[in-house]
C-alpha atoms as a PDB file:
ATOM      1  CA  MET A   1     -10.996   3.312   8.325  1.00  0.00           C
ATOM      2  CA  GLY A   2      -8.517   3.617  11.229  1.00  0.00           C
ATOM      3  CA  LYS A   3      -9.032   3.099  14.931  1.00  0.00           C
ATOM      4  CA  GLN A   4     -10.176   6.022  17.072  1.00  0.00           C
ATOM      5  CA  GLY A   5      -7.504   7.804  19.080  1.00  0.00           C
ATOM      6  CA  SER A   6      -4.341   7.017  17.151  1.00  0.00           C
ATOM      7  CA  PRO A   7      -3.752   8.015  13.529  1.00  0.00           C
ATOM      8  CA  ASP A   8      -3.528   5.195  11.015  1.00  0.00           C
ATOM      9  CA  ARG A   9      -0.129   5.634   9.384  1.00  0.00           C
ATOM     10  CA  ARG A  10      -0.575   2.924   6.777  1.00  0.00           C
ATOM     11  CA  LYS A  11      -0.746   3.929   3.125  1.00  0.00           C
ATOM     12  CA  VAL A  12      -4.311   4.472   1.920  1.00  0.00           C
ATOM     13  CA  TYR A  13      -4.104   1.602  -0.579  1.00  0.00           C
ATOM     14  CA  VAL A  14      -2.939  -0.739   2.225  1.00  0.00           C
ATOM     15  CA  ARG A  15      -5.908   0.332   4.362  1.00  0.00           C
ATOM     16  CA  ILE A  16      -8.255  -0.288   1.429  1.00  0.00           C
ATOM     17  CA  ALA A  17      -6.778  -3.752   0.845  1.00  0.00           C
ATOM     18  CA  ASP A  18      -6.995  -4.562   4.571  1.00  0.00           C
ATOM     19  CA  GLU A  19     -10.609  -3.463   4.825  1.00  0.00           C
ATOM     20  CA  LEU A  20     -11.673  -5.378   1.710  1.00  0.00           C
ATOM     21  CA  ARG A  21      -9.729  -8.432   2.961  1.00  0.00           C
ATOM     22  CA  ARG A  22     -11.671  -8.235   6.259  1.00  0.00           C
ATOM     23  CA  ASP A  23     -14.937  -7.901   4.315  1.00  0.00           C
ATOM     24  CA  ILE A  24     -14.101 -11.033   2.316  1.00  0.00           C
ATOM     25  CA  ALA A  25     -13.093 -12.945   5.466  1.00  0.00           C
ATOM     26  CA  ALA A  26     -16.341 -11.895   7.176  1.00  0.00           C
ATOM     27  CA  GLY A  27     -18.435 -13.087   4.229  1.00  0.00           C
ATOM     28  CA  ARG A  28     -19.581  -9.654   3.060  1.00  0.00           C
ATOM     29  CA  TYR A  29     -18.275 -10.709  -0.354  1.00  0.00           C
ATOM     30  CA  GLU A  30     -18.451 -14.455  -0.972  1.00  0.00           C
ATOM     31  CA  VAL A  31     -16.178 -16.525  -3.211  1.00  0.00           C
ATOM     32  CA  GLY A  32     -17.397 -16.100  -6.797  1.00  0.00           C
ATOM     33  CA  GLU A  33     -19.070 -12.779  -6.035  1.00  0.00           C
ATOM     34  CA  ALA A  34     -18.058  -9.492  -7.658  1.00  0.00           C
ATOM     35  CA  LEU A  35     -16.642  -6.649  -5.629  1.00  0.00           C
ATOM     36  CA  PRO A  36     -18.242  -3.221  -6.066  1.00  0.00           C
ATOM     37  CA  SER A  37     -17.096  -1.104  -9.010  1.00  0.00           C
ATOM     38  CA  ILE A  38     -14.059   1.160  -8.756  1.00  0.00           C
ATOM     39  CA  ALA A  39     -16.437   4.147  -8.667  1.00  0.00           C
ATOM     40  CA  LYS A  40     -18.318   2.720  -5.678  1.00  0.00           C
ATOM     41  CA  LEU A  41     -15.069   1.812  -3.904  1.00  0.00           C
ATOM     42  CA  ARG A  42     -13.726   5.326  -4.572  1.00  0.00           C
ATOM     43  CA  GLU A  43     -16.839   6.734  -2.942  1.00  0.00           C
ATOM     44  CA  ARG A  44     -16.686   4.311  -0.008  1.00  0.00           C
ATOM     45  CA  PHE A  45     -13.030   4.999   0.791  1.00  0.00           C
ATOM     46  CA  GLY A  46     -12.857   8.624  -0.349  1.00  0.00           C
ATOM     47  CA  ALA A  47      -9.818   7.778  -2.450  1.00  0.00           C
ATOM     48  CA  ALA A  48      -8.659   8.265  -6.023  1.00  0.00           C
ATOM     49  CA  GLY A  49      -9.332   5.533  -8.552  1.00  0.00           C
ATOM     50  CA  ALA A  50      -5.622   4.761  -8.894  1.00  0.00           C
ATOM     51  CA  THR A  51      -5.368   4.297  -5.119  1.00  0.00           C
ATOM     52  CA  VAL A  52      -8.322   1.902  -5.125  1.00  0.00           C
ATOM     53  CA  GLU A  53      -6.742   0.034  -8.046  1.00  0.00           C
ATOM     54  CA  ARG A  54      -3.519  -0.287  -6.083  1.00  0.00           C
ATOM     55  CA  GLY A  55      -5.440  -1.725  -3.117  1.00  0.00           C
ATOM     56  CA  LEU A  56      -7.097  -4.234  -5.435  1.00  0.00           C
ATOM     57  CA  ALA A  57      -3.670  -5.110  -6.873  1.00  0.00           C
ATOM     58  CA  VAL A  58      -2.587  -6.164  -3.375  1.00  0.00           C
ATOM     59  CA  LEU A  59      -5.554  -8.523  -3.172  1.00  0.00           C
ATOM     60  CA  ARG A  60      -4.795  -9.854  -6.674  1.00  0.00           C
ATOM     61  CA  GLU A  61      -1.202 -10.575  -5.627  1.00  0.00           C
ATOM     62  CA  GLU A  62      -2.578 -12.528  -2.667  1.00  0.00           C
ATOM     63  CA  SER A  63      -4.870 -14.431  -5.077  1.00  0.00           C
ATOM     64  CA  LEU A  64      -7.947 -13.290  -3.147  1.00  0.00           C
ATOM     65  CA  ILE A  65      -9.493 -11.698  -6.227  1.00  0.00           C
ATOM     66  CA  MET A  66      -9.097 -11.837  -9.980  1.00  0.00           C
ATOM     67  CA  SER A  67      -9.784  -9.042 -12.411  1.00  0.00           C
ATOM     68  CA  ARG A  68     -10.089  -8.642 -16.154  1.00  0.00           C
ATOM     69  CA  GLN A  69     -10.202  -5.449 -18.171  1.00  0.00           C
ATOM     70  CA  GLY A  70     -13.787  -4.215 -18.362  1.00  0.00           C
ATOM     71  CA  SER A  71     -15.100  -6.758 -15.827  1.00  0.00           C
ATOM     72  CA  PRO A  72     -15.601  -6.477 -12.085  1.00  0.00           C
ATOM     73  CA  SER A  73     -13.091  -8.018  -9.679  1.00  0.00           C
ATOM     74  CA  ILE A  74     -14.253 -11.444  -8.496  1.00  0.00           C
ATOM     75  CA  VAL A  75     -13.471 -12.979  -5.094  1.00  0.00           C
ATOM     76  CA  THR A  76     -11.520 -16.205  -5.692  1.00  0.00           C
ATOM     77  CA  ARG A  77     -10.883 -17.323  -2.119  1.00  0.00           C
ATOM     78  CA  LYS A  78     -11.147 -16.250   1.515  1.00  0.00           C
ATOM     79  CA  PRO A  79      -7.996 -15.157   3.343  1.00  0.00           C
ATOM     80  CA  GLU A  80      -6.376 -17.486   5.859  1.00  0.00           C
ATOM     81  CA  GLN A  81      -6.648 -16.594   9.553  1.00  0.00           C
ATOM     82  CA  GLY A  82      -4.481 -13.495  10.168  1.00  0.00           C
ATOM     83  CA  GLU A  83      -3.384 -13.193   6.534  1.00  0.00           C
ATOM     84  CA  GLY A  84      -2.397  -9.712   5.450  1.00  0.00           C
ATOM     85  CA  THR A  85      -4.116  -7.643   8.139  1.00  0.00           C
ATOM     86  CA  GLU A  86      -1.144  -5.386   8.793  1.00  0.00           C
ATOM     87  CA  GLY A  87      -2.753  -2.781  10.991  1.00  0.00           C
ATOM     88  CA  GLU A  88      -4.224  -5.109  13.609  1.00  0.00           C
ATOM     89  CA  GLN A  89      -1.141  -6.701  15.117  1.00  0.00           C
ATOM     90  CA  GLY A  90       0.577  -5.216  18.148  1.00  0.00           C
ATOM     91  CA  GLU A  91       3.335  -2.699  17.539  1.00  0.00           C
ATOM     92  CA  GLY A  92       6.766  -4.296  17.642  1.00  0.00           C
ATOM     93  CA  ALA A  93       5.263  -7.752  17.123  1.00  0.00           C
ATOM     94  CA  ARG A  94       5.901  -7.830  13.396  1.00  0.00           C
ATOM     95  CA  GLU A  95       9.029  -7.724  11.334  1.00  0.00           C
ATOM     96  CA  PRO A  96       9.454  -5.197   8.536  1.00  0.00           C
ATOM     97  CA  SER A  97       7.748  -6.284   5.346  1.00  0.00           C
ATOM     98  CA  GLU A  98       9.667  -7.099   2.187  1.00  0.00           C
ATOM     99  CA  GLU A  99       8.241  -3.918   0.642  1.00  0.00           C
ATOM    100  CA  PHE A 100       9.555  -1.861   3.571  1.00  0.00           C
ATOM    101  CA  GLU A 101      13.005  -3.466   3.325  1.00  0.00           C
ATOM    102  CA  PHE A 102      13.142  -2.707  -0.403  1.00  0.00           C
ATOM    103  CA  LEU A 103      12.002   0.884   0.032  1.00  0.00           C
ATOM    104  CA  TRP A 104      14.444   1.411   2.895  1.00  0.00           C
ATOM    105  CA  SER A 105      17.374   0.207   0.781  1.00  0.00           C
ATOM    106  CA  GLN A 106      16.254   2.481  -2.068  1.00  0.00           C
ATOM    107  CA  LEU A 107      16.096   5.450   0.304  1.00  0.00           C
ATOM    108  CA  GLN A 108      19.600   4.706   1.567  1.00  0.00           C
ATOM    109  CA  GLU A 109      20.910   4.694  -2.017  1.00  0.00           C
ATOM    110  CA  ILE A 110      19.165   7.988  -2.729  1.00  0.00           C
ATOM    111  CA  LYS A 111      20.655   9.461   0.445  1.00  0.00           C
ATOM    112  CA  ILE A 112      24.175   8.488  -0.675  1.00  0.00           C
ATOM    113  CA  HIS A 113      23.623  10.015  -4.130  1.00  0.00           C
ATOM    114  CA  LEU A 114      22.277  13.229  -2.602  1.00  0.00           C
ATOM    115  CA  GLN A 115      25.259  13.483  -0.271  1.00  0.00           C
ATOM    116  CA  ARG A 116      27.617  13.108  -3.253  1.00  0.00           C
ATOM    117  CA  GLN A 117      25.713  15.743  -5.231  1.00  0.00           C
ATOM    118  CA  ASN A 118      25.762  18.065  -2.252  1.00  0.00           C
ATOM    119  CA  ALA A 119      29.547  17.653  -1.916  1.00  0.00           C
ATOM    120  CA  ARG A 120      29.960  18.430  -5.637  1.00  0.00           C
ATOM    121  CA  LEU A 121      27.802  21.537  -5.343  1.00  0.00           C
ATOM    122  CA  ASP A 122      29.779  22.711  -2.326  1.00  0.00           C
ATOM    123  CA  GLU A 123      33.000  22.171  -4.281  1.00  0.00           C
ATOM    124  CA  MET A 124      31.678  24.122  -7.288  1.00  0.00           C
ATOM    125  CA  ASP A 125      30.432  26.896  -5.016  1.00  0.00           C
ATOM    126  CA  GLU A 126      33.870  27.133  -3.424  1.00  0.00           C
ATOM    127  CA  ARG A 127      35.608  27.325  -6.833  1.00  0.00           C
ATOM    128  CA  THR A 128      33.264  29.992  -8.208  1.00  0.00           C
ATOM    129  CA  ARG A 129      32.966  32.137  -5.096  1.00  0.00           C
ATOM    130  CA  GLY A 130      35.487  34.817  -6.186  1.00  0.00           C
ATOM    131  CA  LEU A 131      34.480  35.051  -9.841  1.00  0.00           C
END
């Protein structure tokens, strides 16, 4: 899925979404046509079903496909020029995504909580050292 030479550091579900988006843009899957089954996509991408589902969820959020329980995902429109292809732009040329910003803020909160817990543990360790 990635380019030769440098490792593709994107999440697998993002790579799946990007590749399917390119397929739709290139006409491999036309508007109104069904995408392959989850089983076939799992085989194609060598990924777990939940990972494939997450990739499809990205395309659903972009309104490129629609899905219903028990039915195949259907292409609803082609992507606009340059839409959503995260891995193909030059490094440094893009701003952090909203998802990245959210995850970064969550990680900072977790870091603060861990530092507090670590301080408490150090304090308890100090108090119980001579017992």
